């Protein structure tokens, strides 16, 4: 397992960035494209690279069929593992359309993936070699030694 990801200009140390748990099939759709908006009930002030963790939960797996053309065989979906990285550039809510003068991310409100109340805008997403890890709520950091069974 490698702990760094080449982002074309520099190396990202996966152990130094926050991780976000996302249910499948949505974690896959973020990492492999087309989903650029992740819905949350909360915003964060953090901006930068985040790891995408595919949670063990399968509560949204019934949604797989509507995305079958994008995913293909559902056996490719990983669970309970960090599967990729993305750059978090903004958190946008419906009220932001009227509250902000900067209109850079107005498209988020109309994006088909946006349900709200807050949309995390994720760009430059890419897969990494998956490695198992226990997810957590909110943003979290990986333990220094993810292969240590006490940390999984």
Protein backbone atom coordinates (compact mmCIF):
# COMPACT_ATOMS: atom_id res chain seq x y z
CA UNK A 1 0.00 0.00 0.00
CA UNK A 2 1.27 3.43 -0.85
CA UNK A 3 0.52 6.38 1.36
CA UNK A 4 0.86 9.08 -1.27
CA UNK A 5 -0.99 10.05 -4.41
CA UNK A 6 0.56 11.85 -7.38
CA UNK A 7 -1.67 14.82 -8.20
CA UNK A 8 0.31 15.65 -11.36
CA UNK A 9 2.32 18.44 -9.70
CA UNK A 10 3.00 17.24 -6.17
CA UNK A 11 2.45 14.31 -3.90
CA UNK A 12 -0.51 14.12 -1.52
CA UNK A 13 0.12 12.24 1.70
CA UNK A 14 -3.17 10.43 2.34
CA UNK A 15 -2.30 10.27 6.05
CA UNK A 16 -2.11 14.07 6.30
CA UNK A 17 -5.45 15.00 4.73
CA UNK A 18 -8.99 14.73 6.12
CA UNK A 19 -11.14 11.78 5.04
CA UNK A 20 -14.87 11.87 4.30
CA UNK A 21 -17.04 8.73 4.49
CA UNK A 22 -19.54 8.43 1.65
CA UNK A 23 -22.02 5.61 1.06
CA UNK A 24 -21.82 3.51 -2.08
CA UNK A 25 -22.63 3.84 -4.92
CA UNK A 26 -21.95 7.56 -4.41
CA UNK A 27 -18.33 7.18 -3.27
CA UNK A 28 -17.59 5.39 -6.56
CA UNK A 29 -19.43 8.04 -8.58
CA UNK A 30 -17.36 10.80 -6.94
CA UNK A 31 -14.03 9.08 -7.47
CA UNK A 32 -14.72 7.91 -11.04
CA UNK A 33 -16.52 10.98 -12.27
CA UNK A 34 -19.52 12.39 -12.85
CA UNK A 35 -20.58 13.27 -9.27
CA UNK A 36 -18.99 16.61 -8.36
CA UNK A 37 -21.33 17.47 -5.50
CA UNK A 38 -21.65 15.54 -2.24
CA UNK A 39 -24.68 16.38 -0.11
CA UNK A 40 -24.29 17.04 3.59
CA UNK A 41 -26.32 18.67 6.33
CA UNK A 42 -23.26 20.64 7.41
CA UNK A 43 -20.55 22.78 5.86
CA UNK A 44 -16.84 22.94 6.65
CA UNK A 45 -14.33 25.75 6.38
CA UNK A 46 -11.68 23.27 5.22
CA UNK A 47 -10.60 23.59 1.57
CA UNK A 48 -8.12 21.29 -0.09
CA UNK A 49 -7.56 17.59 -0.75
CA UNK A 50 -9.72 15.05 1.04
CA UNK A 51 -9.75 11.27 0.96
CA UNK A 52 -12.97 9.54 -0.09
CA UNK A 53 -13.88 6.61 2.13
CA UNK A 54 -16.54 4.16 0.93
CA UNK A 55 -18.49 3.30 4.05
CA UNK A 56 -19.52 -0.23 4.95
CA UNK A 57 -23.18 0.73 5.00
CA UNK A 58 -25.38 -0.33 2.11
CA UNK A 59 -28.40 1.85 2.75
CA UNK A 60 -28.19 3.52 -0.68
CA UNK A 61 -27.37 0.42 -2.70
CA UNK A 62 -30.90 0.34 -4.04
CA UNK A 63 -29.85 3.47 -5.97
CA UNK A 64 -27.24 1.42 -7.84
CA UNK A 65 -29.67 0.45 -10.60
CA UNK A 66 -30.35 4.06 -11.62
CA UNK A 67 -26.57 4.52 -12.02
CA UNK A 68 -25.82 1.12 -13.58
CA UNK A 69 -24.73 2.67 -16.89
CA UNK A 70 -22.08 4.70 -15.03
CA UNK A 71 -20.89 1.92 -12.73
CA UNK A 72 -21.28 -1.28 -14.70
CA UNK A 73 -20.85 -4.38 -12.56
CA UNK A 74 -21.73 -3.58 -8.91
CA UNK A 75 -19.03 -6.00 -7.74
CA UNK A 76 -16.48 -3.22 -8.45
CA UNK A 77 -17.82 -1.26 -5.49
CA UNK A 78 -15.55 -1.33 -2.45
CA UNK A 79 -16.91 -1.04 1.10
CA UNK A 80 -15.09 -0.04 4.28
CA UNK A 81 -12.08 1.38 2.44
CA UNK A 82 -10.50 4.64 1.34
CA UNK A 83 -10.92 4.51 -2.45
CA UNK A 84 -9.88 7.92 -3.76
CA UNK A 85 -9.14 11.58 -3.31
CA UNK A 86 -10.82 14.81 -4.42
CA UNK A 87 -10.20 18.50 -3.96
CA UNK A 88 -12.88 20.21 -1.84
CA UNK A 89 -13.22 23.73 -3.24
CA UNK A 90 -16.46 25.03 -1.70
CA UNK A 91 -19.56 24.24 0.34
CA UNK A 92 -22.73 25.70 -1.15
CA UNK A 93 -26.24 25.93 0.28
CA UNK A 94 -29.47 27.08 -1.34
CA UNK A 95 -29.38 30.37 0.57
CA UNK A 96 -25.91 31.10 -0.83
CA UNK A 97 -27.45 32.04 -4.16
CA UNK A 98 -28.89 35.21 -2.62
CA UNK A 99 -26.41 35.77 0.23
CA UNK A 100 -23.13 35.85 -1.71
CA UNK A 101 -21.85 38.20 -4.38
CA UNK A 102 -19.41 35.55 -5.71
CA UNK A 103 -21.38 33.50 -8.23
CA UNK A 104 -18.60 31.02 -9.11
CA UNK A 105 -20.48 28.02 -7.73
CA UNK A 106 -24.08 28.99 -8.53
CA UNK A 107 -24.17 25.98 -10.89
CA UNK A 108 -24.16 23.68 -7.84
CA UNK A 109 -27.78 24.51 -6.95
CA UNK A 110 -28.89 23.34 -10.41
CA UNK A 111 -26.55 20.35 -10.57
CA UNK A 112 -28.51 17.05 -10.81
CA UNK A 113 -26.46 15.63 -7.89
CA UNK A 114 -27.36 18.49 -5.54
CA UNK A 115 -30.08 17.72 -3.01
CA UNK A 116 -28.80 19.88 -0.17
CA UNK A 117 -29.03 21.34 2.25
CA UNK A 118 -25.27 21.80 1.67
CA UNK A 119 -23.37 20.70 -1.43
CA UNK A 120 -19.66 20.01 -1.10
CA UNK A 121 -18.01 20.83 -4.44
CA UNK A 122 -15.42 18.13 -5.22
CA UNK A 123 -13.07 18.54 -8.19
CA UNK A 124 -10.10 16.63 -9.60
CA UNK A 125 -11.32 13.36 -8.08
CA UNK A 126 -9.37 10.21 -8.80
CA UNK A 127 -9.17 6.66 -7.50
CA UNK A 128 -6.34 5.28 -5.40
CA UNK A 129 -5.49 1.71 -4.51
CA UNK A 130 -8.24 0.94 -1.98
CA UNK A 131 -7.22 0.11 1.56
CA UNK A 132 -9.48 -0.89 4.43
CA UNK A 133 -10.24 1.53 7.20
CA UNK A 134 -13.10 2.19 9.58
CA UNK A 135 -15.09 5.26 8.66
CA UNK A 136 -16.31 7.96 10.99
CA UNK A 137 -18.84 10.74 10.94
CA UNK A 138 -17.63 14.22 10.01
CA UNK A 139 -14.12 14.63 8.58
CA UNK A 140 -11.52 12.37 10.15
CA UNK A 141 -7.84 11.55 9.84
CA UNK A 142 -6.31 8.15 9.17
CA UNK A 143 -4.27 6.55 11.91
CA UNK A 144 -0.51 6.57 11.37
CA UNK A 145 -0.54 2.80 10.87
CA UNK A 146 -3.77 1.75 9.11
CA UNK A 147 -2.71 -1.91 9.08
CA UNK A 148 -2.73 -2.04 12.89
CA UNK A 149 -5.87 -4.09 13.74
CA UNK A 150 -6.59 -1.87 16.75
CA UNK A 151 -7.11 1.06 14.37
CA UNK A 152 -9.40 -0.67 11.89
